[in-house]
Structures are given as C-alpha cells and as structure tokens.
Amino acid sequence: MDEPVKSGGRRRQARELAVQFLYQYDVSGGTDLRAAFAEFWPTQPDDQTNARGFAEELIRGAVANQAALDERIKKYTEHWELSRIAAVDRNILRLAMYEMLFRDDIPPVVSINEAVDIAKKYSTRESGAFVNGILDRLRGDLPRPARTPAGN
C-alpha cells in the first residue's frame, strides 16, 4: 500500500512530479533525459524522494512513447493541433494515456481520476473536464477492464 504523504499518496505525488517534469521537458524542447533529470531532481524538496522511483518510471515511459501518445491525443481532440493544447494539459494527457495504454497494473479509471485531479490543481478551471473527456474516449476504446488492473 502507498505511504501517505502531505499532499496525498506516494503515487499521486509521483504523478504530480511526473507532470511537472514532463511540462518542463516539453517547454524546454528537451532531448537529453539524463541531463533533464539531473537538473530537475535537485530542485525538489527532500520529502518527495519516496515518490521519485515511480515518477521516473512514468516519465521514462511517457517520453519513450511520446510519438504514439501524441497520435492518440490528436485522434481524440479532432481538429486541434497538439501545439494548441495548453502545455500542462498536453503533458497530463501524455502521462495518463501512457498509464492507460502501457501500464496494465494501473486500472484506467485510476489514471483518469488522477489526471482530472491534477488538471484541476495545475491548470485552468476547464481543464478537468477537457482531460476527462479525452481520456474517457480512450477508455472506451481499451480492450481491458476499466476498474481493475489487466488480468484481474
């Protein structure tokens, strides 16, 4: 079970860190993941170290699969250029879609709920509904249960 921390569970904290990292990496035109990690982690408070391992798993997965994730985002945001989507929302979508498509250990509804909460916290008032709508469309296309990890 995840350890509780001030701002929620360890996994929530990891997801927030992952979104912050992905946002920074995206807007800076990141190409060197190792250098980006070396720059990012020293700026984080010490109480976030419990979440670092999971955050890095998510970040590495989202970055490695970014082209496929961006294609999905374009598919579900018909007639929107990726660059027109707010950078924070774009990276929340990348992270949640990575979990939904590539992490069978995480139920899709968990990824959606976490993404919506993070969007409400870090983006605009409308972002929660926008993120929910896009991710719900993906959920409908998934060939696995929405409320349990795959194989359960």
Protein backbone atom coordinates (compact mmCIF):
# COMPACT_ATOMS: atom_id res chain seq x y z
CA MET A 1 0.00 0.00 0.00
CA ASP A 2 1.20 3.52 -0.80
CA GLU A 3 2.62 5.54 2.07
CA PRO A 4 0.58 8.61 2.92
CA VAL A 5 2.33 11.93 2.46
CA LYS A 6 1.24 15.52 2.99
CA SER A 7 -0.32 16.08 -0.47
CA GLY A 8 -1.81 12.62 -0.97
CA GLY A 9 -0.44 9.16 -1.60
CA ARG A 10 3.01 8.36 -2.90
CA ARG A 11 1.63 7.57 -6.35
CA ARG A 12 -0.30 10.86 -6.53
CA GLN A 13 2.86 12.68 -5.54
CA ALA A 14 4.80 10.76 -8.19
CA ARG A 15 2.25 11.66 -10.85
CA GLU A 16 2.41 15.33 -9.91
CA LEU A 17 6.21 15.22 -10.12
CA ALA A 18 5.98 13.43 -13.46
CA VAL A 19 3.64 16.09 -14.86
CA GLN A 20 5.92 18.86 -13.60
CA PHE A 21 8.94 17.16 -15.16
CA LEU A 22 7.17 16.43 -18.47
CA TYR A 23 5.93 20.01 -18.67
CA GLN A 24 9.44 21.39 -18.09
CA TYR A 25 10.95 18.89 -20.53
CA ASP A 26 8.32 19.74 -23.16
CA VAL A 27 8.55 23.53 -23.00
CA SER A 28 12.35 23.48 -22.94
CA GLY A 29 12.46 21.27 -26.03
CA GLY A 30 14.12 18.50 -24.02
CA THR A 31 16.24 15.95 -25.79
CA ASP A 32 18.59 14.65 -23.10
CA LEU A 33 16.55 12.84 -20.46
CA ARG A 34 19.53 12.17 -18.17
CA ALA A 35 20.51 15.85 -18.13
CA ALA A 36 16.89 16.86 -17.52
CA PHE A 37 16.68 14.52 -14.52
CA ALA A 38 19.97 15.91 -13.17
CA GLU A 39 18.51 19.41 -13.41
CA PHE A 40 15.03 18.57 -12.08
CA TRP A 41 15.58 16.39 -9.01
CA PRO A 42 17.81 18.78 -7.03
CA THR A 43 15.03 21.38 -7.20
CA GLN A 44 12.55 19.08 -5.45
CA PRO A 45 12.01 19.01 -1.67
CA ASP A 46 13.54 16.10 0.25
CA ASP A 47 10.10 14.78 1.27
CA GLN A 48 9.46 13.85 -2.36
CA THR A 49 12.15 11.17 -2.52
CA ASN A 50 9.66 8.36 -1.76
CA ALA A 51 7.82 9.18 -4.98
CA ARG A 52 10.88 9.53 -7.20
CA GLY A 53 11.14 5.90 -8.36
CA PHE A 54 7.56 5.67 -9.59
CA ALA A 55 7.77 9.18 -11.07
CA GLU A 56 10.83 8.20 -13.10
CA GLU A 57 9.11 5.03 -14.36
CA LEU A 58 6.19 7.12 -15.57
CA ILE A 59 8.39 9.83 -17.07
CA ARG A 60 10.59 7.35 -18.94
CA GLY A 61 7.54 5.54 -20.29
CA ALA A 62 5.79 8.72 -21.39
CA VAL A 63 8.92 10.08 -23.08
CA ALA A 64 9.72 6.75 -24.79
CA ASN A 65 6.17 6.50 -26.15
CA GLN A 66 5.57 10.19 -26.81
CA ALA A 67 5.02 9.84 -30.58
CA ALA A 68 2.32 7.19 -30.08
CA LEU A 69 0.75 9.17 -27.24
CA ASP A 70 0.68 12.35 -29.29
CA GLU A 71 -1.04 10.48 -32.13
CA ARG A 72 -3.74 9.35 -29.69
CA ILE A 73 -4.16 12.86 -28.35
CA LYS A 74 -4.59 14.17 -31.92
CA LYS A 75 -7.10 11.41 -32.65
CA TYR A 76 -9.28 12.23 -29.64
CA THR A 77 -9.00 16.02 -29.92
CA GLU A 78 -10.26 16.13 -33.51
CA HIS A 79 -9.32 19.31 -35.38
CA TRP A 80 -6.92 20.50 -32.68
CA GLU A 81 -3.24 20.91 -33.30
CA LEU A 82 -1.18 19.47 -30.46
CA SER A 83 0.52 22.85 -30.04
CA ARG A 84 -2.88 24.49 -29.36
CA ILE A 85 -3.44 22.36 -26.27
CA ALA A 86 -2.08 24.01 -23.13
CA ALA A 87 1.34 22.50 -22.33
CA VAL A 88 0.27 21.36 -18.87
CA ASP A 89 -2.87 19.67 -20.24
CA ARG A 90 -0.88 18.07 -23.05
CA ASN A 91 1.53 16.53 -20.55
CA ILE A 92 -1.21 15.41 -18.18
CA LEU A 93 -2.81 13.64 -21.16
CA ARG A 94 0.51 12.06 -22.17
CA LEU A 95 1.07 10.73 -18.68
CA ALA A 96 -2.46 9.35 -18.22
CA MET A 97 -2.54 7.84 -21.70
CA TYR A 98 0.82 6.20 -21.07
CA GLU A 99 -0.62 4.58 -17.94
CA MET A 100 -3.81 3.52 -19.72
CA LEU A 101 -2.08 2.08 -22.79
CA PHE A 102 1.16 0.68 -21.40
CA ARG A 103 0.68 0.03 -17.66
CA ASP A 104 -1.62 -2.95 -17.21
CA ASP A 105 -1.03 -2.77 -13.44
CA ILE A 106 -2.99 0.50 -13.19
CA PRO A 107 -6.77 0.47 -13.74
CA PRO A 108 -7.74 3.04 -16.40
CA VAL A 109 -10.26 4.75 -14.12
CA VAL A 110 -7.46 5.41 -11.61
CA SER A 111 -5.39 7.07 -14.34
CA ILE A 112 -8.37 9.16 -15.42
CA ASN A 113 -9.30 10.26 -11.90
CA GLU A 114 -5.71 11.15 -11.07
CA ALA A 115 -5.29 13.10 -14.31
CA VAL A 116 -8.51 15.06 -13.74
CA ASP A 117 -7.47 15.96 -10.19
CA ILE A 118 -4.00 17.02 -11.33
CA ALA A 119 -5.50 19.10 -14.15
CA LYS A 120 -7.78 20.87 -11.67
CA LYS A 121 -4.81 21.59 -9.42
CA TYR A 122 -2.25 22.70 -12.01
CA SER A 123 -4.24 24.02 -14.96
CA THR A 124 -7.38 26.01 -15.70
CA ARG A 125 -10.87 25.55 -14.32
CA GLU A 126 -11.99 23.94 -17.61
CA SER A 127 -9.02 21.58 -17.84
CA GLY A 128 -10.51 18.90 -15.60
CA ALA A 129 -13.49 18.45 -17.91
CA PHE A 130 -11.31 18.64 -21.04
CA VAL A 131 -8.88 15.99 -19.74
CA ASN A 132 -11.75 13.80 -18.54
CA GLY A 133 -13.48 13.94 -21.93
CA ILE A 134 -10.36 12.96 -23.88
CA LEU A 135 -9.36 10.17 -21.51
CA ASP A 136 -12.89 8.81 -21.35
CA ARG A 137 -12.86 8.43 -25.14
CA LEU A 138 -9.64 6.43 -24.87
CA ARG A 139 -11.11 4.31 -22.05
CA GLY A 140 -13.98 3.36 -24.33
CA ASP A 141 -11.50 2.03 -26.90
CA LEU A 142 -9.45 -0.05 -24.45
CA PRO A 143 -9.81 -3.82 -24.68
CA ARG A 144 -9.42 -4.28 -20.91
CA PRO A 145 -11.49 -3.67 -17.79
CA ALA A 146 -11.69 -0.06 -16.71
CA ARG A 147 -11.83 -0.60 -12.94
CA THR A 148 -9.24 -3.33 -12.34
CA PRO A 149 -5.67 -3.99 -13.44
CA ALA A 150 -5.46 -6.16 -16.54
CA GLY A 151 -5.58 -9.87 -15.79
CA ASN A 152 -7.61 -9.47 -12.56
